[in-house]
C-alpha atoms as a PDB file:
ATOM      1  CA  MET A   1     -12.649  -3.071 122.849  1.00  0.00           C
ATOM      2  CA  SER A   2     -13.047  -3.887 118.631  1.00  0.00           C
ATOM      3  CA  SER A   3     -10.734  -4.186 116.073  1.00  0.00           C
ATOM      4  CA  MET A   4     -10.019  -0.933 114.154  1.00  0.00           C
ATOM      5  CA  PRO A   5     -11.745  -0.917 111.015  1.00  0.00           C
ATOM      6  CA  CYS A   6      -9.169  -2.004 108.149  1.00  0.00           C
ATOM      7  CA  SER A   7      -8.444   1.553 106.834  1.00  0.00           C
ATOM      8  CA  VAL A   8      -8.069   4.565 109.203  1.00  0.00           C
ATOM      9  CA  ASP A   9      -9.290   7.837 108.276  1.00  0.00           C
ATOM     10  CA  ILE A  10      -6.356  10.148 108.784  1.00  0.00           C
ATOM     11  CA  GLN A  11      -6.821  13.828 107.988  1.00  0.00           C
ATOM     12  CA  ARG A  12      -4.951  16.740 108.879  1.00  0.00           C
ATOM     13  CA  VAL A  13      -6.465  19.370 111.422  1.00  0.00           C
ATOM     14  CA  PRO A  14      -4.974  22.888 110.099  1.00  0.00           C
ATOM     15  CA  VAL A  15      -3.481  24.723 113.333  1.00  0.00           C
ATOM     16  CA  GLU A  16      -5.938  28.027 114.692  1.00  0.00           C
ATOM     17  CA  GLU A  17      -3.828  30.913 112.223  1.00  0.00           C
ATOM     18  CA  GLU A  18      -4.779  29.052 109.138  1.00  0.00           C
ATOM     19  CA  ARG A  19      -8.142  29.127 110.480  1.00  0.00           C
ATOM     20  CA  GLN A  20      -8.053  33.027 111.054  1.00  0.00           C
ATOM     21  CA  GLN A  21     -10.544  35.174 109.402  1.00  0.00           C
ATOM     22  CA  LEU A  22     -10.062  38.910 108.403  1.00  0.00           C
ATOM     23  CA  VAL A  23      -9.784  41.554 111.359  1.00  0.00           C
ATOM     24  CA  THR A  24      -9.258  44.442 111.162  1.00  0.00           C
ATOM     25  CA  GLU A  25      -8.659  47.816 113.881  1.00  0.00           C
ATOM     26  CA  LEU A  26      -8.760  51.313 113.154  1.00  0.00           C
ATOM     27  CA  VAL A  27      -4.769  53.589 112.949  1.00  0.00           C
ATOM     28  CA  PHE A  28      -4.635  56.767 112.238  1.00  0.00           C
ATOM     29  CA  THR A  29      -2.641  57.565 108.986  1.00  0.00           C
ATOM     30  CA  ILE A  30      -1.155  60.827 107.596  1.00  0.00           C
ATOM     31  CA  THR A  31      -1.211  61.775 104.164  1.00  0.00           C
ATOM     32  CA  VAL A  32       2.530  63.315 103.607  1.00  0.00           C
ATOM     33  CA  SER A  33       4.688  64.191  99.632  1.00  0.00           C
ATOM     34  CA  PRO A  34       7.409  61.310  99.820  1.00  0.00           C
ATOM     35  CA  ARG A  35      10.274  63.914 100.473  1.00  0.00           C
ATOM     36  CA  GLN A  36       8.549  64.296 104.174  1.00  0.00           C
ATOM     37  CA  THR A  37       8.542  60.571 104.648  1.00  0.00           C
ATOM     38  CA  ALA A  38      11.691  60.881 107.175  1.00  0.00           C
ATOM     39  CA  GLN A  39      10.143  63.520 108.769  1.00  0.00           C
ATOM     40  CA  VAL A  40       6.994  62.745 109.669  1.00  0.00           C
ATOM     41  CA  LEU A  41       8.642  59.355 110.558  1.00  0.00           C
ATOM     42  CA  LYS A  42      11.227  60.871 113.339  1.00  0.00           C
ATOM     43  CA  PHE A  43       8.353  63.110 114.591  1.00  0.00           C
ATOM     44  CA  ILE A  44       6.305  59.660 114.665  1.00  0.00           C
ATOM     45  CA  GLY A  45       9.105  57.612 116.553  1.00  0.00           C
ATOM     46  CA  GLN A  46       9.450  60.660 119.337  1.00  0.00           C
ATOM     47  CA  ARG A  47       5.808  61.668 120.329  1.00  0.00           C
ATOM     48  CA  LEU A  48       3.339  58.939 119.522  1.00  0.00           C
ATOM     49  CA  PRO A  49       2.814  55.539 120.919  1.00  0.00           C
ATOM     50  CA  LYS A  50       5.091  52.323 119.506  1.00  0.00           C
ATOM     51  CA  LEU A  51       2.949  50.386 117.569  1.00  0.00           C
ATOM     52  CA  SER A  52       1.713  46.841 119.461  1.00  0.00           C
ATOM     53  CA  GLY A  53       1.031  43.840 117.796  1.00  0.00           C
ATOM     54  CA  ILE A  54       0.532  44.716 114.495  1.00  0.00           C
ATOM     55  CA  GLU A  55       4.082  44.811 113.521  1.00  0.00           C
ATOM     56  CA  HIS A  56       3.110  43.256 110.459  1.00  0.00           C
ATOM     57  CA  VAL A  57       1.419  46.006 109.005  1.00  0.00           C
ATOM     58  CA  LYS A  58       3.770  48.112 107.154  1.00  0.00           C
ATOM     59  CA  ARG A  59       4.005  51.415 107.947  1.00  0.00           C
ATOM     60  CA  ILE A  60       3.869  53.559 104.801  1.00  0.00           C
ATOM     61  CA  ARG A  61       1.790  53.178 101.533  1.00  0.00           C
ATOM     62  CA  LYS A  62       0.504  54.325  98.350  1.00  0.00           C
ATOM     63  CA  HIS A  63      -2.303  57.002  98.509  1.00  0.00           C
ATOM     64  CA  PRO A  64      -5.243  55.242  96.946  1.00  0.00           C
ATOM     65  CA  ASP A  65      -6.440  58.604  95.097  1.00  0.00           C
ATOM     66  CA  ASN A  66      -3.327  60.141  95.062  1.00  0.00           C
ATOM     67  CA  SER A  67      -0.327  58.379  93.195  1.00  0.00           C
ATOM     68  CA  ASP A  68       1.747  61.903  94.083  1.00  0.00           C
ATOM     69  CA  ASN A  69       1.062  61.211  97.733  1.00  0.00           C
ATOM     70  CA  LEU A  70       1.994  58.488 100.587  1.00  0.00           C
ATOM     71  CA  LEU A  71      -0.148  57.558 103.646  1.00  0.00           C
ATOM     72  CA  VAL A  72       1.420  56.911 106.692  1.00  0.00           C
ATOM     73  CA  VAL A  73       1.014  55.280 109.980  1.00  0.00           C
ATOM     74  CA  MET A  74       0.949  56.709 112.587  1.00  0.00           C
ATOM     75  CA  CYS A  75      -0.299  54.872 115.081  1.00  0.00           C
ATOM     76  CA  GLN A  76      -3.465  53.000 116.306  1.00  0.00           C
ATOM     77  CA  CYS A  77      -6.569  54.640 117.722  1.00  0.00           C
ATOM     78  CA  SER A  78      -6.722  52.599 120.593  1.00  0.00           C
ATOM     79  CA  GLN A  79      -3.279  54.102 122.198  1.00  0.00           C
ATOM     80  CA  ILE A  80      -4.441  58.115 121.542  1.00  0.00           C
ATOM     81  CA  ALA A  81      -7.572  60.212 121.681  1.00  0.00           C
ATOM     82  CA  ARG A  82      -8.289  62.123 118.048  1.00  0.00           C
ATOM     83  CA  GLU A  83      -7.854  65.795 119.805  1.00  0.00           C
ATOM     84  CA  ALA A  84      -4.526  64.822 121.587  1.00  0.00           C
ATOM     85  CA  LEU A  85      -2.911  63.627 118.541  1.00  0.00           C
ATOM     86  CA  HIS A  86      -3.832  66.835 117.094  1.00  0.00           C
ATOM     87  CA  THR A  87      -2.437  68.549 120.167  1.00  0.00           C
ATOM     88  CA  LYS A  88       0.603  66.883 118.945  1.00  0.00           C
ATOM     89  CA  LEU A  89       0.659  68.171 115.415  1.00  0.00           C
ATOM     90  CA  GLN A  90       0.511  71.506 116.284  1.00  0.00           C
ATOM     91  CA  GLY A  91       3.919  73.553 115.632  1.00  0.00           C
ATOM     92  CA  THR A  92       4.524  70.875 113.068  1.00  0.00           C
ATOM     93  CA  GLU A  93       4.378  71.112 108.953  1.00  0.00           C
ATOM     94  CA  TRP A  94       1.133  68.324 109.361  1.00  0.00           C
ATOM     95  CA  GLU A  95      -2.076  69.520 109.691  1.00  0.00           C
ATOM     96  CA  PRO A  96      -4.751  68.097 111.466  1.00  0.00           C
ATOM     97  CA  SER A  97      -6.782  67.895 108.224  1.00  0.00           C
ATOM     98  CA  LYS A  98      -4.246  65.811 106.843  1.00  0.00           C
ATOM     99  CA  VAL A  99      -4.938  62.784 109.847  1.00  0.00           C
ATOM    100  CA  THR A 100      -7.292  60.175 108.439  1.00  0.00           C
ATOM    101  CA  GLU A 101      -8.400  56.224 110.387  1.00  0.00           C
ATOM    102  CA  HIS A 102      -7.805  53.706 108.577  1.00  0.00           C
ATOM    103  CA  PRO A 103      -8.502  50.058 109.275  1.00  0.00           C
ATOM    104  CA  VAL A 104      -5.469  47.372 108.795  1.00  0.00           C
ATOM    105  CA  PRO A 105      -5.164  43.629 109.448  1.00  0.00           C
ATOM    106  CA  ALA A 106      -4.950  42.862 113.019  1.00  0.00           C
ATOM    107  CA  THR A 107      -3.236  39.694 112.938  1.00  0.00           C
ATOM    108  CA  ALA A 108      -0.394  38.558 110.722  1.00  0.00           C
ATOM    109  CA  PRO A 109      -1.175  36.521 107.471  1.00  0.00           C
ATOM    110  CA  PHE A 110      -0.594  32.782 107.624  1.00  0.00           C
ATOM    111  CA  THR A 111      -1.185  31.336 104.808  1.00  0.00           C
ATOM    112  CA  ALA A 112      -0.788  32.823 101.316  1.00  0.00           C
ATOM    113  CA  GLU A 113      -4.705  32.591 101.386  1.00  0.00           C
ATOM    114  CA  GLN A 114      -5.019  34.911 103.827  1.00  0.00           C
ATOM    115  CA  PHE A 115      -1.889  37.389 102.982  1.00  0.00           C
ATOM    116  CA  ASN A 116      -3.896  38.124  99.388  1.00  0.00           C
ATOM    117  CA  LEU A 117      -6.898  38.592 101.400  1.00  0.00           C
ATOM    118  CA  TRP A 118      -5.321  41.103 104.103  1.00  0.00           C
ATOM    119  CA  LYS A 119      -3.633  43.112 101.714  1.00  0.00           C
ATOM    120  CA  THR A 120      -6.644  44.290  99.781  1.00  0.00           C
ATOM    121  CA  VAL A 121      -7.101  46.533 103.093  1.00  0.00           C
ATOM    122  CA  TRP A 122      -3.304  47.272 104.145  1.00  0.00           C
ATOM    123  CA  PRO A 123      -0.367  46.342 102.944  1.00  0.00           C
ATOM    124  CA  VAL A 124       1.429  43.410 105.787  1.00  0.00           C
ATOM    125  CA  SER A 125       4.483  41.333 105.553  1.00  0.00           C
ATOM    126  CA  PHE A 126       4.427  38.277 105.122  1.00  0.00           C
ATOM    127  CA  ARG A 127       6.515  35.354 106.127  1.00  0.00           C
ATOM    128  CA  PRO A 128       5.621  31.788 104.708  1.00  0.00           C
ATOM    129  CA  PRO A 129       5.274  29.118 108.258  1.00  0.00           C
ATOM    130  CA  VAL A 130       7.705  26.217 107.959  1.00  0.00           C
ATOM    131  CA  LEU A 131       6.031  24.251 105.276  1.00  0.00           C
ATOM    132  CA  VAL A 132       4.136  21.637 106.783  1.00  0.00           C
ATOM    133  CA  ARG A 133       3.449  18.352 104.470  1.00  0.00           C
ATOM    134  CA  THR A 134      -0.605  18.051 103.612  1.00  0.00           C
ATOM    135  CA  VAL A 135       0.169  14.968 101.838  1.00  0.00           C
ATOM    136  CA  LEU A 136       1.555  11.864 104.553  1.00  0.00           C
ATOM    137  CA  SER A 137       3.588   9.542 101.756  1.00  0.00           C
ATOM    138  CA  ALA A 138       2.398   5.717 101.812  1.00  0.00           C
ATOM    139  CA  ASP A 139       5.282   4.913 104.678  1.00  0.00           C
ATOM    140  CA  ASP A 140       4.343   7.780 106.609  1.00  0.00           C
ATOM    141  CA  ARG A 141       0.224   6.332 106.516  1.00  0.00           C
ATOM    142  CA  GLU A 142       1.617   2.614 107.227  1.00  0.00           C
ATOM    143  CA  TYR A 143       3.970   3.826 110.033  1.00  0.00           C
ATOM    144  CA  ILE A 144       0.573   5.941 111.499  1.00  0.00           C
ATOM    145  CA  GLU A 145      -1.575   2.960 111.262  1.00  0.00           C
ATOM    146  CA  LYS A 146       0.369   0.574 112.507  1.00  0.00           C
ATOM    147  CA  MET A 147       1.172   2.113 115.827  1.00  0.00           C
ATOM    148  CA  LEU A 148      -2.687   3.288 116.202  1.00  0.00           C
ATOM    149  CA  ARG A 149      -3.862  -0.268 115.810  1.00  0.00           C
ATOM    150  CA  TYR A 150      -1.026  -1.297 118.265  1.00  0.00           C
ATOM    151  CA  VAL A 151      -2.427   0.809 120.948  1.00  0.00           C
ATOM    152  CA  ALA A 152      -6.004   0.157 120.056  1.00  0.00           C
ATOM    153  CA  ASP A 153      -5.432  -3.765 120.323  1.00  0.00           C
ATOM    154  CA  SER A 154      -3.457  -3.349 123.263  1.00  0.00           C
ATOM    155  CA  ILE A 155      -6.799  -1.484 125.421  1.00  0.00           C
ATOM    156  CA  LYS A 156      -8.722  -3.016 127.650  1.00  0.00           C
ATOM    157  CA  THR A 157     -11.425  -2.534 129.977  1.00  0.00           C
ATOM    158  CA  GLU A 158     -11.294   1.101 131.503  1.00  0.00           C
ATOM    159  CA  GLU A 159      -7.390   1.324 130.832  1.00  0.00           C
ATOM    160  CA  VAL A 160      -5.489   3.814 129.477  1.00  0.00           C
ATOM    161  CA  VAL A 161      -3.034   2.758 127.100  1.00  0.00           C
ATOM    162  CA  VAL A 162       0.391   4.696 125.584  1.00  0.00           C
ATOM    163  CA  ALA A 163       3.250   3.653 123.903  1.00  0.00           C
ATOM    164  CA  ILE A 164       5.787   5.919 122.412  1.00  0.00           C
ATOM    165  CA  CYS A 165       6.983   4.527 119.236  1.00  0.00           C
ATOM    166  CA  SER A 166       9.946   5.457 116.657  1.00  0.00           C
ATOM    167  CA  ALA A 167       9.275   6.964 112.943  1.00  0.00           C
ATOM    168  CA  LYS A 168      12.610   6.467 112.257  1.00  0.00           C
ATOM    169  CA  SER A 169      12.836   2.877 113.278  1.00  0.00           C
ATOM    170  CA  ARG A 170       8.876   1.546 112.862  1.00  0.00           C
ATOM    171  CA  LEU A 171       9.542   0.164 116.441  1.00  0.00           C
ATOM    172  CA  VAL A 172       7.300   0.775 120.151  1.00  0.00           C
ATOM    173  CA  MET A 173      10.215   2.163 122.461  1.00  0.00           C
ATOM    174  CA  ALA A 174       8.335   1.504 125.654  1.00  0.00           C
ATOM    175  CA  GLU A 175       4.364   0.962 125.967  1.00  0.00           C
ATOM    176  CA  THR A 176       1.791   1.328 129.723  1.00  0.00           C
ATOM    177  CA  SER A 177      -1.759   0.718 130.463  1.00  0.00           C
ATOM    178  CA  VAL A 178      -3.346   2.553 133.188  1.00  0.00           C
ATOM    179  CA  SER A 179      -5.903   1.384 134.879  1.00  0.00           C
ATOM    180  CA  GLN A 180      -8.478   3.069 136.817  1.00  0.00           C
ATOM    181  CA  GLU A 181      -7.065   1.885 140.308  1.00  0.00           C
ATOM    182  CA  SER A 182      -3.885   2.469 139.658  1.00  0.00           C
ATOM    183  CA  ARG A 183      -3.675   5.995 138.917  1.00  0.00           C
ATOM    184  CA  SER A 184      -5.467   6.741 142.028  1.00  0.00           C
ATOM    185  CA  VAL A 185      -2.620   5.080 144.238  1.00  0.00           C
ATOM    186  CA  HIS A 186      -0.221   7.880 143.216  1.00  0.00           C
ATOM    187  CA  PRO A 187      -0.975  11.555 140.995  1.00  0.00           C
ATOM    188  CA  LEU A 188       1.474  10.905 138.729  1.00  0.00           C
ATOM    189  CA  ARG A 189       0.953   6.954 137.842  1.00  0.00           C
ATOM    190  CA  HIS A 190      -0.835   7.827 134.818  1.00  0.00           C
ATOM    191  CA  ALA A 191       0.008   5.553 131.917  1.00  0.00           C
ATOM    192  CA  ALA A 192       2.048   8.863 129.449  1.00  0.00           C
ATOM    193  CA  MET A 193       4.471   9.626 132.785  1.00  0.00           C
ATOM    194  CA  CYS A 194       5.210   5.755 133.042  1.00  0.00           C
ATOM    195  CA  CYS A 195       5.946   5.372 129.611  1.00  0.00           C
ATOM    196  CA  ILE A 196       7.914   8.067 130.088  1.00  0.00           C
ATOM    197  CA  ALA A 197      10.036   6.657 133.263  1.00  0.00           C
ATOM    198  CA  GLN A 198      10.813   3.419 130.924  1.00  0.00           C
ATOM    199  CA  VAL A 199      12.230   5.491 127.741  1.00  0.00           C
ATOM    200  CA  ALA A 200      14.408   6.632 130.936  1.00  0.00           C
ATOM    201  CA  ASN A 201      15.148   4.098 132.739  1.00  0.00           C
ATOM    202  CA  ALA A 202      16.077   2.355 128.838  1.00  0.00           C
ATOM    203  CA  GLU A 203      18.840   5.222 128.887  1.00  0.00           C
ATOM    204  CA  LEU A 204      20.314   5.287 132.594  1.00  0.00           C
ATOM    205  CA  ARG A 205      20.813   1.331 131.885  1.00  0.00           C
ATOM    206  CA  ARG A 206      22.299   2.216 128.128  1.00  0.00           C
ATOM    207  CA  GLN A 207      24.380   5.188 129.911  1.00  0.00           C
ATOM    208  CA  GLU A 208      25.518   2.736 132.464  1.00  0.00           C
ATOM    209  CA  GLY A 209      24.819   5.223 135.205  1.00  0.00           C
ATOM    210  CA  THR A 210      27.060   8.000 133.282  1.00  0.00           C
ATOM    211  CA  VAL A 211      24.981   9.716 131.945  1.00  0.00           C
ATOM    212  CA  PRO A 212      26.567  13.627 131.151  1.00  0.00           C
ATOM    213  CA  ALA A 213      26.320  16.436 133.346  1.00  0.00           C
ATOM    214  CA  LYS A 214      25.260  18.965 130.473  1.00  0.00           C
ATOM    215  CA  ARG A 215      22.794  16.357 127.397  1.00  0.00           C
ATOM    216  CA  PRO A 216      23.935  17.712 123.712  1.00  0.00           C
ATOM    217  CA  HIS A 217      20.657  18.230 121.291  1.00  0.00           C
ATOM    218  CA  SER A 218      20.846  14.882 119.444  1.00  0.00           C
ATOM    219  CA  PRO A 219      18.966  12.389 118.298  1.00  0.00           C
ATOM    220  CA  SER A 220      16.901   9.940 121.320  1.00  0.00           C
ATOM    221  CA  ILE A 221      19.765   7.368 122.448  1.00  0.00           C
ATOM    222  CA  THR A 222      16.399   5.376 122.102  1.00  0.00           C
ATOM    223  CA  ASP A 223      17.330   4.928 118.224  1.00  0.00           C
ATOM    224  CA  GLY A 224      20.615   3.034 118.938  1.00  0.00           C
ATOM    225  CA  ASP A 225      22.945   6.338 118.593  1.00  0.00           C
ATOM    226  CA  ALA A 226      25.419   7.133 120.285  1.00  0.00           C
ATOM    227  CA  VAL A 227      25.377   9.791 122.592  1.00  0.00           C
ATOM    228  CA  ALA A 228      22.530  10.805 124.854  1.00  0.00           C
ATOM    229  CA  GLY A 229      19.621  13.278 123.590  1.00  0.00           C
ATOM    230  CA  TYR A 230      16.771  14.923 124.599  1.00  0.00           C
ATOM    231  CA  LEU A 231      14.957  12.682 126.595  1.00  0.00           C
ATOM    232  CA  CYS A 232      11.917  11.290 124.312  1.00  0.00           C
ATOM    233  CA  GLU A 233      13.632  13.787 121.491  1.00  0.00           C
ATOM    234  CA  GLY A 234      12.319  12.554 117.877  1.00  0.00           C
ATOM    235  CA  LEU A 235      10.017   9.978 119.129  1.00  0.00           C
ATOM    236  CA  ASP A 236       6.010  10.092 119.007  1.00  0.00           C
END
């Protein structure tokens, strides 16, 4: 295999949730006055199906056409027929004529941009995900390029090469290359499993056969820590 180019084009790939488009589903809503809120929520909780998969949708919003009233989500239109809903409303203070269908976002927003778009349809809750770095530091980029070059330079014809490396120490902790012929000997003899086995053997040697029965959650011992951690934790 030829050497890698001098500059490696490293790009962050958005997760699926970041790429999702706005999709809506219909819910039944009812118009009520603020003083009726507690009663209608009690009725909904006792008589109607629970919301399923749209817990991010806020149950109550101000009525867009009448600021003195509220719109309350009753249930999803897929959960009950309108006629059955009207039957349940008989004998209550809420008239079936107050029931309408309204679209709401079918999925929770993952990004601030999605949140700003989703809430134009119906108010939703937004819990920002753990921040994902969109820019790599110079050290990160150097580490990634170094390890990619290491693996690329190790590849020979029809071989699969895997290297387990540490971002903390910038060292290769284990490596293996497995040919197609070797993989046919045993179904588990592929590069990734062989490489993980090397890490396991190194840990066993380090512990001299006294690995704790319960492994505490801590950085991998292959980084030189005194306590055994989960196998390959913190490694790439």
